[in-house]
Amino acid sequence: MESMSFHKFSGNYLVLRPTEVSVFDLFRILWSHDLEEKAIVQCPPERLQENIRRKWLIFMSLSSQKLLLLAAEPMRWIGEKLEMWVNLVSLNRNVFVLFLNLLRGKVKMPDRRSEVFMSFIGGLDTRVELDKDIKPGDCRYFGAMAAKLSYENEAFVRRIIRDYWKMDLIGYYNFWNDYQKKNNTQAFMVYDKTTDMIIVAFRGTEPFNADDWSTDLDVSWFELDEMGKIHGGFVKALGLVMEKGWPPYVDNDNRHGHLLAYYTLREKLKEKLNPANKTRFKVTGHSLGGALSILFPAVLALHKERLLLERLEGVYTFGQPRVGDKKFKEFMEIQLRNYGFRYLRYVYCNDMIPRTPTDDLAFLYKHFGNCIYFNSFYKGKILEEEPHKNYISLFAWIPRHLNAACELVRGRILLPLIKGAEYKETWLLMMLRLWGLAFPGLSAHNTQDYVNATRLISRRIYHQLQHHRHPWKIINGKQE
């Protein structure tokens, strides 16, 4: 495979190509200084020595991505069978009724494309109605629910938005990734007449989608003069154009139907937001979707899209990983000050995803904006950074496992008794909680905890954020 010309848009980059790597190549990385000779690692020649010091990280990233490439079909098969079983039980009410229907020859079979078929994420938390106590205009209003809904199929999304939310679906999209050569970035756009607001929701990492995990584990990065270093996997998913980077415009007519997320959503927003109206928009997402949500206004700023940035009400992310270095952080802080949109970054307790990639000498990735951190009882506070920011901590090991054990009791017994039946966790989520006894950082990444947080966290915190003129300046509940 020929070398790609990344230097056309980035003077400093590191690009990994797992499709080209062999097992022998992987281990050769550890003792060879010729990283580029095997065409599996690309970087500017003058930056070669700098990246040689990251050989272990490159090795681990390429190894993980190669394993995911090999496991892609088995993962997909397991995910499909698990989702079919969960929907089969749900469609027939429960296991007991399913058995009776089987005996009577009246089993209801699920259809993956139907408006009632739920994803694995949807099976963890089956709630679809908005919280009636959170009124339109509140900055908590359906952000977490939209992020959760983004994991579902188009028919399901359309039904929920129409029948439960009473809103209008503008579009449901499956976008192209120029580097993975497939459609793997999902998003939807909805209009709420009550608040005259458009909501853009990006889907996060699907548990059984190897391409999503490869995006997350890709330590590639690109450095742009204005923006700094940005996570390569995330910008590729948002619509980075092969060998061109972020040109101001792309010609969709010459892309054979391969629509890119950033450019398509930007043009759709331009159609809907114009000087003749006052409609605003917000962006939301969970996990990978959160990373794409904050990168979207970053590229808008790169392209000087002033009208759209002035109409941006806020970015709301849930379990979002870090996306860029200190220079990117400073670039975005300027945009927050200039355009005054909110950026609320929710972090639940032991969730490890917001603590990656690490903020250390290996990556130097930084968070910014308001972190709304809450513990396992949904007691929240506003911080500049979540506790144990890089997850690895000897002091946190015991509390994390104790929290994981408490979550089992809390979700099935305590919370439903105190707050009501809608907080009772599904058996599928309880199985995930059991797995969390061994891996608490991953089980804490589920969407149910983030939806609960927006509903149960102290309203005093949201009052501070909602009514302060410059909300990005509030840290630890106080004005800087």
Protein backbone atom coordinates (compact mmCIF):
# COMPACT_ATOMS: atom_id res chain seq x y z
CA MET A 1 0.00 0.00 0.00
CA GLU A 2 1.43 3.35 -0.98
CA SER A 3 2.33 5.94 1.59
CA MET A 4 -0.39 8.51 2.19
CA SER A 5 0.38 12.24 2.00
CA PHE A 6 -0.66 13.42 5.45
CA HIS A 7 1.90 16.24 5.29
CA LYS A 8 -0.48 18.09 2.95
CA PHE A 9 -2.62 19.10 5.94
CA SER A 10 -0.53 18.25 9.02
CA GLY A 11 3.10 19.06 9.71
CA ASN A 12 3.27 16.57 12.57
CA TYR A 13 1.38 13.31 12.73
CA LEU A 14 1.53 9.69 13.76
CA VAL A 15 -0.61 7.26 11.76
CA LEU A 16 -0.89 3.54 12.46
CA ARG A 17 -2.08 1.09 9.82
CA PRO A 18 -3.13 -2.17 11.49
CA THR A 19 -4.43 -3.72 8.26
CA GLU A 20 -0.84 -3.86 6.97
CA VAL A 21 0.78 -5.38 10.05
CA SER A 22 1.82 -9.02 10.57
CA VAL A 23 2.60 -10.74 13.86
CA PHE A 24 6.31 -10.61 13.00
CA ASP A 25 6.03 -6.88 12.28
CA LEU A 26 4.42 -6.28 15.66
CA PHE A 27 7.30 -7.73 17.63
CA ARG A 28 9.89 -6.22 15.32
CA ILE A 29 8.57 -2.78 16.32
CA LEU A 30 10.01 -3.28 19.80
CA TRP A 31 13.62 -3.63 18.70
CA SER A 32 13.68 -1.91 15.30
CA HIS A 33 14.16 1.82 14.72
CA ASP A 34 12.83 1.56 11.18
CA LEU A 35 9.20 2.20 12.04
CA GLU A 36 8.24 3.45 8.60
CA GLU A 37 10.00 0.77 6.54
CA LYS A 38 7.18 -1.68 7.10
CA ALA A 39 4.51 0.85 6.04
CA ILE A 40 2.61 0.21 9.26
CA VAL A 41 3.60 3.48 10.96
CA GLN A 42 3.77 6.86 9.27
CA CYS A 43 5.24 10.03 10.73
CA PRO A 44 7.44 12.88 9.46
CA PRO A 45 11.10 11.75 9.21
CA GLU A 46 12.21 14.53 11.56
CA ARG A 47 9.79 13.20 14.21
CA LEU A 48 10.96 9.59 13.99
CA GLN A 49 13.14 9.64 17.12
CA GLU A 50 10.34 11.23 19.12
CA ASN A 51 7.97 8.41 18.17
CA ILE A 52 10.52 5.66 18.74
CA ARG A 53 10.19 6.51 22.43
CA ARG A 54 6.52 5.54 22.13
CA LYS A 55 7.22 2.07 20.70
CA TRP A 56 5.42 0.28 23.50
CA LEU A 57 2.30 2.38 22.96
CA ILE A 58 2.48 1.83 19.21
CA PHE A 59 2.93 -1.90 19.78
CA MET A 60 -0.05 -2.13 22.14
CA SER A 61 -2.30 -0.05 19.88
CA LEU A 62 -1.44 -2.01 16.73
CA SER A 63 -1.74 -5.34 18.58
CA SER A 64 -5.17 -4.40 19.93
CA GLN A 65 -6.42 -3.21 16.57
CA LYS A 66 -5.08 -6.33 14.81
CA LEU A 67 -6.85 -8.58 17.32
CA LEU A 68 -10.04 -6.61 16.79
CA LEU A 69 -9.75 -7.02 13.02
CA LEU A 70 -9.45 -10.79 13.50
CA ALA A 71 -12.27 -10.87 16.04
CA ALA A 72 -14.63 -8.55 14.13
CA GLU A 73 -16.90 -11.27 12.72
CA PRO A 74 -17.11 -13.35 15.93
CA MET A 75 -17.88 -10.16 17.90
CA ARG A 76 -20.58 -9.16 15.44
CA TRP A 77 -22.12 -12.65 15.56
CA ILE A 78 -22.16 -12.74 19.37
CA GLY A 79 -23.65 -9.25 19.52
CA GLU A 80 -26.38 -10.09 17.02
CA LYS A 81 -27.34 -13.32 18.81
CA LEU A 82 -27.39 -11.61 22.20
CA GLU A 83 -29.55 -8.76 20.90
CA MET A 84 -31.91 -11.23 19.23
CA TRP A 85 -32.29 -13.16 22.48
CA VAL A 86 -32.92 -10.02 24.56
CA ASN A 87 -35.55 -8.82 22.07
CA LEU A 88 -37.09 -12.28 21.80
CA VAL A 89 -37.66 -12.37 25.56
CA SER A 90 -38.88 -8.76 25.62
CA LEU A 91 -41.28 -9.22 22.70
CA ASN A 92 -42.81 -12.24 24.44
CA ARG A 93 -42.93 -10.37 27.80
CA ASN A 94 -40.57 -12.70 29.75
CA VAL A 95 -38.87 -16.10 29.66
CA PHE A 96 -41.89 -17.90 31.16
CA VAL A 97 -44.33 -16.51 28.56
CA LEU A 98 -41.78 -17.23 25.82
CA PHE A 99 -41.76 -20.89 26.89
CA LEU A 100 -45.57 -21.02 26.86
CA ASN A 101 -45.68 -19.35 23.43
CA LEU A 102 -43.16 -21.90 22.19
CA LEU A 103 -45.40 -24.76 23.35
CA ARG A 104 -48.43 -23.13 21.69
CA GLY A 105 -46.53 -22.31 18.49
CA LYS A 106 -47.18 -18.58 18.95
CA VAL A 107 -43.68 -17.22 19.53
CA LYS A 108 -43.25 -13.60 18.44
CA MET A 109 -40.01 -13.26 16.49
CA PRO A 110 -38.05 -9.98 16.52
CA ASP A 111 -37.08 -8.08 13.38
CA ARG A 112 -33.81 -6.15 13.63
CA ARG A 113 -35.16 -3.33 11.47
CA SER A 114 -38.46 -2.92 13.28
CA GLU A 115 -39.49 0.04 15.41
CA VAL A 116 -39.50 -2.05 18.60
CA PHE A 117 -36.13 -3.78 18.21
CA MET A 118 -33.67 -2.54 20.85
CA SER A 119 -29.89 -2.54 20.73
CA PHE A 120 -27.79 -4.10 23.47
CA ILE A 121 -27.43 -0.62 24.99
CA GLY A 122 -31.20 -0.18 24.85
CA GLY A 123 -31.65 -3.52 26.59
CA LEU A 124 -29.55 -2.29 29.51
CA ASP A 125 -31.92 0.64 30.07
CA THR A 126 -35.35 0.32 28.43
CA ARG A 127 -36.61 3.78 29.42
CA VAL A 128 -37.65 5.94 26.47
CA GLU A 129 -39.82 8.68 28.01
CA LEU A 130 -38.36 12.02 29.02
CA ASP A 131 -38.40 12.92 32.71
CA LYS A 132 -41.52 15.04 33.29
CA ASP A 133 -39.77 16.89 36.13
CA ILE A 134 -37.16 18.29 33.74
CA LYS A 135 -38.84 21.08 31.84
CA PRO A 136 -38.04 22.36 28.32
CA GLY A 137 -35.27 24.94 28.48
CA ASP A 138 -33.50 23.21 31.35
CA CYS A 139 -29.93 22.40 30.32
CA ARG A 140 -30.59 18.80 31.44
CA TYR A 141 -33.47 18.47 28.98
CA PHE A 142 -33.13 15.13 27.12
CA GLY A 143 -29.36 15.35 26.50
CA ALA A 144 -28.58 11.98 28.10
CA MET A 145 -31.70 10.40 26.62
CA ALA A 146 -30.75 11.55 23.10
CA ALA A 147 -27.23 10.17 23.61
CA LYS A 148 -28.75 6.83 24.68
CA LEU A 149 -31.26 6.77 21.83
CA SER A 150 -28.50 7.23 19.25
CA TYR A 151 -27.57 3.53 19.60
CA GLU A 152 -30.92 2.40 18.14
CA ASN A 153 -32.03 1.66 14.57
CA GLU A 154 -33.78 4.30 12.47
CA ALA A 155 -37.32 2.92 12.86
CA PHE A 156 -36.95 2.77 16.66
CA VAL A 157 -35.55 6.32 16.82
CA ARG A 158 -38.33 7.64 14.60
CA ARG A 159 -41.05 6.04 16.78
CA ILE A 160 -39.65 7.35 20.07
CA ILE A 161 -39.15 10.89 18.77
CA ARG A 162 -42.64 10.95 17.22
CA ASP A 163 -44.75 9.13 19.82
CA TYR A 164 -42.96 9.88 23.10
CA TRP A 165 -40.95 13.05 22.64
CA LYS A 166 -43.43 14.76 20.25
CA MET A 167 -40.62 16.15 18.13
CA ASP A 168 -39.61 16.02 14.46
CA LEU A 169 -36.82 13.80 13.16
CA ILE A 170 -34.80 15.81 10.65
CA GLY A 171 -32.50 12.97 9.69
CA TYR A 172 -30.95 9.67 10.73
CA TYR A 173 -27.48 9.13 9.30
CA ASN A 174 -24.90 6.41 8.78
CA PHE A 175 -21.71 8.20 7.76
CA TRP A 176 -18.64 7.08 5.86
CA ASN A 177 -15.18 6.75 7.41
CA ASP A 178 -12.56 7.45 4.70
CA TYR A 179 -9.91 5.46 6.59
CA GLN A 180 -11.93 2.38 7.57
CA LYS A 181 -13.59 2.41 4.12
CA LYS A 182 -17.06 1.79 5.51
CA ASN A 183 -20.08 3.50 7.03
CA ASN A 184 -19.46 3.41 10.76
CA THR A 185 -20.41 6.79 12.26
CA GLN A 186 -24.06 7.15 13.24
CA ALA A 187 -25.95 10.27 14.27
CA PHE A 188 -29.43 11.70 14.19
CA MET A 189 -30.84 15.23 14.14
CA VAL A 190 -34.14 16.21 15.73
CA TYR A 191 -36.12 19.45 16.04
CA ASP A 192 -37.97 20.40 19.24
CA LYS A 193 -40.71 22.94 18.53
CA THR A 194 -41.23 23.63 22.25
CA THR A 195 -37.77 25.16 22.67
CA ASP A 196 -37.06 25.99 18.99
CA MET A 197 -33.97 23.79 19.32
CA ILE A 198 -32.20 21.31 17.04
CA ILE A 199 -30.40 18.42 18.73
CA VAL A 200 -27.54 16.53 17.08
CA ALA A 201 -26.78 13.20 18.78
CA PHE A 202 -23.73 11.07 17.90
CA ARG A 203 -23.71 7.34 18.61
CA GLY A 204 -21.01 6.05 20.91
CA THR A 205 -19.03 2.81 20.90
CA GLU A 206 -21.21 -0.22 20.26
CA PRO A 207 -20.07 -3.06 22.57
CA PHE A 208 -19.75 -5.64 19.78
CA ASN A 209 -18.50 -3.37 17.00
CA ALA A 210 -14.79 -4.04 16.42
CA ASP A 211 -14.43 -0.93 14.22
CA ASP A 212 -15.65 1.30 17.05
CA TRP A 213 -13.17 -0.23 19.48
CA SER A 214 -10.39 0.19 16.90
CA THR A 215 -11.29 3.88 16.65
CA ASP A 216 -11.02 4.19 20.43
CA LEU A 217 -7.72 2.29 20.70
CA ASP A 218 -6.02 3.98 17.75
CA VAL A 219 -3.21 6.15 19.18
CA SER A 220 -2.74 7.90 15.83
CA TRP A 221 -2.88 11.67 15.99
CA PHE A 222 -2.72 14.71 13.75
CA GLU A 223 -1.39 18.14 14.68
CA LEU A 224 -2.89 21.22 13.08
CA ASP A 225 -1.25 24.62 13.50
CA GLU A 226 -4.28 26.29 15.07
CA MET A 227 -5.77 23.37 16.99
CA GLY A 228 -2.88 21.31 18.31
CA LYS A 229 -2.76 17.50 18.44
CA ILE A 230 -6.04 15.61 18.08
CA HIS A 231 -6.84 11.92 18.50
CA GLY A 232 -6.61 10.33 15.05
CA GLY A 233 -9.36 7.75 15.49
CA PHE A 234 -11.91 10.36 16.51
CA VAL A 235 -11.21 12.84 13.70
CA LYS A 236 -11.36 10.03 11.14
CA ALA A 237 -14.79 9.05 12.49
CA LEU A 238 -16.01 12.68 12.31
CA GLY A 239 -15.10 12.95 8.63
CA LEU A 240 -11.39 13.68 8.13
CA VAL A 241 -10.92 13.58 4.36
CA MET A 242 -8.31 11.14 3.08
CA GLU A 243 -5.04 12.99 2.31
CA LYS A 244 -6.81 16.39 2.53
CA GLY A 245 -7.59 16.75 6.22
CA TRP A 246 -10.28 19.37 6.83
CA PRO A 247 -10.84 21.29 3.56
CA PRO A 248 -13.52 24.00 3.88
CA TYR A 249 -15.85 22.11 1.54
CA VAL A 250 -16.20 18.68 -0.06
CA ASP A 251 -18.11 17.79 -3.20
CA ASN A 252 -20.57 15.09 -2.18
CA ASP A 253 -21.51 14.54 -5.83
CA ASN A 254 -18.05 13.07 -6.44
CA ARG A 255 -18.01 10.87 -3.35
CA HIS A 256 -20.33 8.13 -4.72
CA GLY A 257 -22.76 8.46 -1.82
CA HIS A 258 -20.04 8.30 0.84
CA LEU A 259 -21.24 11.11 3.11
CA LEU A 260 -18.94 12.41 5.85
CA ALA A 261 -20.40 13.28 9.26
CA TYR A 262 -19.01 16.77 9.81
CA TYR A 263 -19.73 18.16 6.34
CA THR A 264 -23.22 16.65 6.05
CA LEU A 265 -24.36 17.82 9.48
CA ARG A 266 -22.83 21.27 8.97
CA GLU A 267 -24.72 21.80 5.71
CA LYS A 268 -27.96 20.49 7.18
CA LEU A 269 -27.62 22.93 10.09
CA LYS A 270 -26.98 25.78 7.67
CA GLU A 271 -30.26 24.93 5.94
CA LYS A 272 -32.17 25.04 9.21
CA LEU A 273 -30.42 27.97 10.92
CA ASN A 274 -30.58 31.23 9.04
CA PRO A 275 -31.00 34.95 9.77
CA ALA A 276 -34.78 34.60 9.33
CA ASN A 277 -35.16 32.51 12.49
CA LYS A 278 -33.71 32.25 15.98
CA THR A 279 -33.41 28.47 16.13
CA ARG A 280 -30.43 27.20 18.08
CA PHE A 281 -28.81 23.77 18.35
CA LYS A 282 -27.05 21.56 20.84
CA VAL A 283 -24.79 18.54 20.40
CA THR A 284 -24.68 15.46 22.60
CA GLY A 285 -23.18 11.98 22.74
CA HIS A 286 -22.02 9.18 25.01
CA SER A 287 -18.53 7.62 24.92
CA LEU A 288 -17.12 7.92 21.37
CA GLY A 289 -20.21 10.01 20.60
CA GLY A 290 -19.11 12.48 23.26
CA ALA A 291 -15.70 12.83 21.62
CA LEU A 292 -17.34 13.54 18.24
CA SER A 293 -19.69 16.03 19.92
CA ILE A 294 -16.90 18.29 21.18
CA LEU A 295 -14.82 17.88 18.02
CA PHE A 296 -17.73 19.07 15.88
CA PRO A 297 -17.63 22.72 17.12
CA ALA A 298 -13.83 22.56 17.06
CA VAL A 299 -13.84 22.00 13.30
CA LEU A 300 -16.59 24.61 12.91
CA ALA A 301 -14.21 27.05 14.59
CA LEU A 302 -11.37 25.93 12.32
CA HIS A 303 -13.56 26.80 9.35
CA LYS A 304 -14.72 30.13 10.88
CA GLU A 305 -18.38 29.08 10.85
CA ARG A 306 -19.45 32.05 12.92
CA LEU A 307 -23.22 31.78 12.36
CA LEU A 308 -23.35 28.17 13.53
CA LEU A 309 -21.11 28.79 16.55
CA GLU A 310 -23.25 31.75 17.60
CA ARG A 311 -26.33 29.51 17.43
CA LEU A 312 -24.70 26.68 19.38
CA GLU A 313 -26.46 26.47 22.76
CA GLY A 314 -24.20 23.81 24.24
CA VAL A 315 -22.28 20.55 24.03
CA TYR A 316 -23.28 17.84 26.51
CA THR A 317 -21.12 14.73 26.72
CA PHE A 318 -21.42 11.58 28.84
CA GLY A 319 -18.42 9.39 29.57
CA GLN A 320 -16.38 11.26 26.96
CA PRO A 321 -12.68 10.36 26.44
CA ARG A 322 -10.00 13.03 26.00
CA VAL A 323 -9.60 14.20 22.42
CA GLY A 324 -6.60 16.55 22.24
CA ASP A 325 -3.50 18.01 23.87
CA LYS A 326 -2.91 21.23 25.83
CA LYS A 327 -2.89 23.37 22.69
CA PHE A 328 -6.27 21.92 21.65
CA LYS A 329 -7.58 22.65 25.15
CA GLU A 330 -6.46 26.29 24.86
CA PHE A 331 -7.95 26.53 21.36
CA MET A 332 -11.33 25.32 22.62
CA GLU A 333 -11.27 27.54 25.70
CA ILE A 334 -10.96 30.51 23.33
CA GLN A 335 -14.03 29.31 21.41
CA LEU A 336 -15.99 28.87 24.64
CA ARG A 337 -15.18 32.44 25.65
CA ASN A 338 -15.80 33.93 22.21
CA TYR A 339 -19.14 32.25 21.54
CA GLY A 340 -20.40 31.55 25.05
CA PHE A 341 -21.82 28.07 24.49
CA ARG A 342 -22.01 25.60 27.36
CA TYR A 343 -19.77 22.57 27.53
CA LEU A 344 -20.83 20.12 30.25
CA ARG A 345 -18.82 16.93 30.55
CA TYR A 346 -20.49 14.29 32.73
CA VAL A 347 -18.35 11.69 34.47
CA TYR A 348 -19.89 8.89 36.51
CA CYS A 349 -17.88 7.59 39.47
CA ASN A 350 -15.41 4.90 38.28
CA ASP A 351 -16.01 5.17 34.54
CA MET A 352 -12.58 4.62 33.02
CA ILE A 353 -13.33 5.97 29.51
CA PRO A 354 -13.21 9.70 30.52
CA ARG A 355 -9.81 8.94 32.03
CA THR A 356 -8.36 7.87 28.68
CA PRO A 357 -6.20 8.57 26.71
CA THR A 358 -4.00 9.40 29.65
CA ASP A 359 -2.92 12.87 30.69
CA ASP A 360 0.78 12.02 31.12
CA LEU A 361 4.10 12.14 29.29
CA ALA A 362 2.97 9.41 26.88
CA PHE A 363 -0.05 11.29 25.48
CA LEU A 364 -0.32 14.74 27.12
CA TYR A 365 -4.06 14.74 26.36
CA LYS A 366 -6.14 17.21 28.35
CA HIS A 367 -9.76 17.67 29.38
CA PHE A 368 -11.27 21.15 29.59
CA GLY A 369 -14.58 22.76 30.43
CA ASN A 370 -16.85 21.85 33.33
CA CYS A 371 -16.66 18.30 34.61
CA ILE A 372 -19.87 17.32 36.39
CA TYR A 373 -18.63 14.43 38.46
CA PHE A 374 -20.95 12.28 40.54
CA ASN A 375 -20.47 9.27 42.80
CA SER A 376 -22.41 6.01 42.89
CA PHE A 377 -25.24 7.70 44.81
CA TYR A 378 -25.48 10.43 42.15
CA LYS A 379 -24.20 13.11 44.46
CA GLY A 380 -22.56 15.53 42.09
CA LYS A 381 -20.13 18.41 42.09
CA ILE A 382 -18.47 20.61 39.50
CA LEU A 383 -14.76 19.98 39.07
CA GLU A 384 -12.01 20.95 36.69
CA GLU A 385 -10.94 17.29 36.47
CA GLU A 386 -12.41 14.01 37.72
CA PRO A 387 -10.63 12.24 40.64
CA HIS A 388 -7.87 9.76 39.67
CA LYS A 389 -7.68 11.39 36.26
CA ASN A 390 -5.70 8.57 34.63
CA TYR A 391 -7.71 5.76 36.28
CA ILE A 392 -4.65 3.84 37.47
CA SER A 393 -4.42 4.32 41.23
CA LEU A 394 -3.51 1.97 44.06
CA PHE A 395 -5.61 4.03 46.46
CA ALA A 396 -8.73 3.76 44.30
CA TRP A 397 -8.60 -0.02 43.73
CA ILE A 398 -10.50 -1.06 46.87
CA PRO A 399 -13.17 1.72 46.73
CA ARG A 400 -13.86 0.92 43.08
CA HIS A 401 -14.62 -2.72 43.80
CA LEU A 402 -16.70 -1.82 46.84
CA ASN A 403 -18.68 0.64 44.70
CA ALA A 404 -19.21 -2.08 42.07
CA ALA A 405 -20.67 -4.36 44.78
CA CYS A 406 -22.91 -1.56 46.11
CA GLU A 407 -24.23 -0.87 42.60
CA LEU A 408 -25.69 -4.37 42.47
CA VAL A 409 -27.85 -3.70 45.53
CA ARG A 410 -28.56 -0.06 44.68
CA GLY A 411 -29.91 -0.63 41.19
CA ARG A 412 -32.14 -3.60 41.88
CA ILE A 413 -33.42 -2.81 45.38
CA LEU A 414 -32.54 0.56 46.96
CA LEU A 415 -33.08 3.02 44.13
CA PRO A 416 -36.49 1.61 43.03
CA LEU A 417 -37.69 1.72 46.64
CA ILE A 418 -36.57 5.31 47.16
CA LYS A 419 -37.14 6.88 43.73
CA GLY A 420 -39.67 4.64 42.00
CA ALA A 421 -40.01 1.63 39.68
CA GLU A 422 -38.54 3.45 36.66
CA TYR A 423 -35.11 3.21 38.33
CA LYS A 424 -35.23 -0.57 38.66
CA GLU A 425 -32.40 -2.01 36.61
CA THR A 426 -32.91 -4.73 34.02
CA TRP A 427 -31.49 -8.21 34.47
CA LEU A 428 -29.20 -7.56 31.52
CA LEU A 429 -27.71 -4.56 33.31
CA MET A 430 -27.40 -6.60 36.50
CA MET A 431 -25.32 -9.14 34.56
CA LEU A 432 -23.09 -6.27 33.45
CA ARG A 433 -22.83 -5.14 37.09
CA LEU A 434 -21.66 -8.65 38.04
CA TRP A 435 -18.96 -8.42 35.38
CA GLY A 436 -18.11 -5.05 36.90
CA LEU A 437 -17.01 -6.74 40.12
CA ALA A 438 -13.90 -7.71 38.17
CA PHE A 439 -13.76 -4.73 35.79
CA PRO A 440 -15.50 -1.81 37.54
CA GLY A 441 -14.17 0.83 35.17
CA LEU A 442 -15.96 -0.62 32.13
CA SER A 443 -19.29 -1.57 33.71
CA ALA A 444 -19.52 2.00 35.08
CA HIS A 445 -19.59 3.30 31.50
CA ASN A 446 -23.22 2.31 30.83
CA THR A 447 -25.81 4.90 29.78
CA GLN A 448 -28.25 4.14 32.63
CA ASP A 449 -26.01 5.83 35.20
CA TYR A 450 -25.72 8.94 33.04
CA VAL A 451 -29.47 9.16 32.51
CA ASN A 452 -29.99 8.71 36.27
CA ALA A 453 -27.45 11.42 36.98
CA THR A 454 -29.25 14.05 34.91
CA ARG A 455 -32.47 13.19 36.75
CA LEU A 456 -31.21 12.81 40.31
CA ILE A 457 -28.23 15.12 40.71
CA SER A 458 -28.75 18.31 42.75
CA ARG A 459 -30.65 20.99 40.85
CA ARG A 460 -28.54 23.62 42.61
CA ILE A 461 -25.60 22.65 40.41
CA TYR A 462 -27.61 23.05 37.23
CA HIS A 463 -28.98 26.35 38.46
CA GLN A 464 -25.41 27.63 38.79
CA LEU A 465 -24.52 26.46 35.30
CA GLN A 466 -27.73 27.57 33.65
CA HIS A 467 -27.90 31.11 34.97
CA HIS A 468 -24.24 32.11 35.13
CA ARG A 469 -23.23 34.35 32.24
CA HIS A 470 -19.90 32.54 31.72
CA PRO A 471 -20.55 28.94 32.80
CA TRP A 472 -17.12 27.66 31.73
CA LYS A 473 -15.56 29.67 34.57
CA ILE A 474 -17.33 27.78 37.37
CA ILE A 475 -15.07 25.30 39.10
CA ASN A 476 -15.92 23.45 42.30
CA GLY A 477 -19.24 25.28 42.42
CA LYS A 478 -17.59 28.70 42.63
CA GLN A 479 -16.90 31.43 40.14
CA GLU A 480 -13.23 31.84 39.22
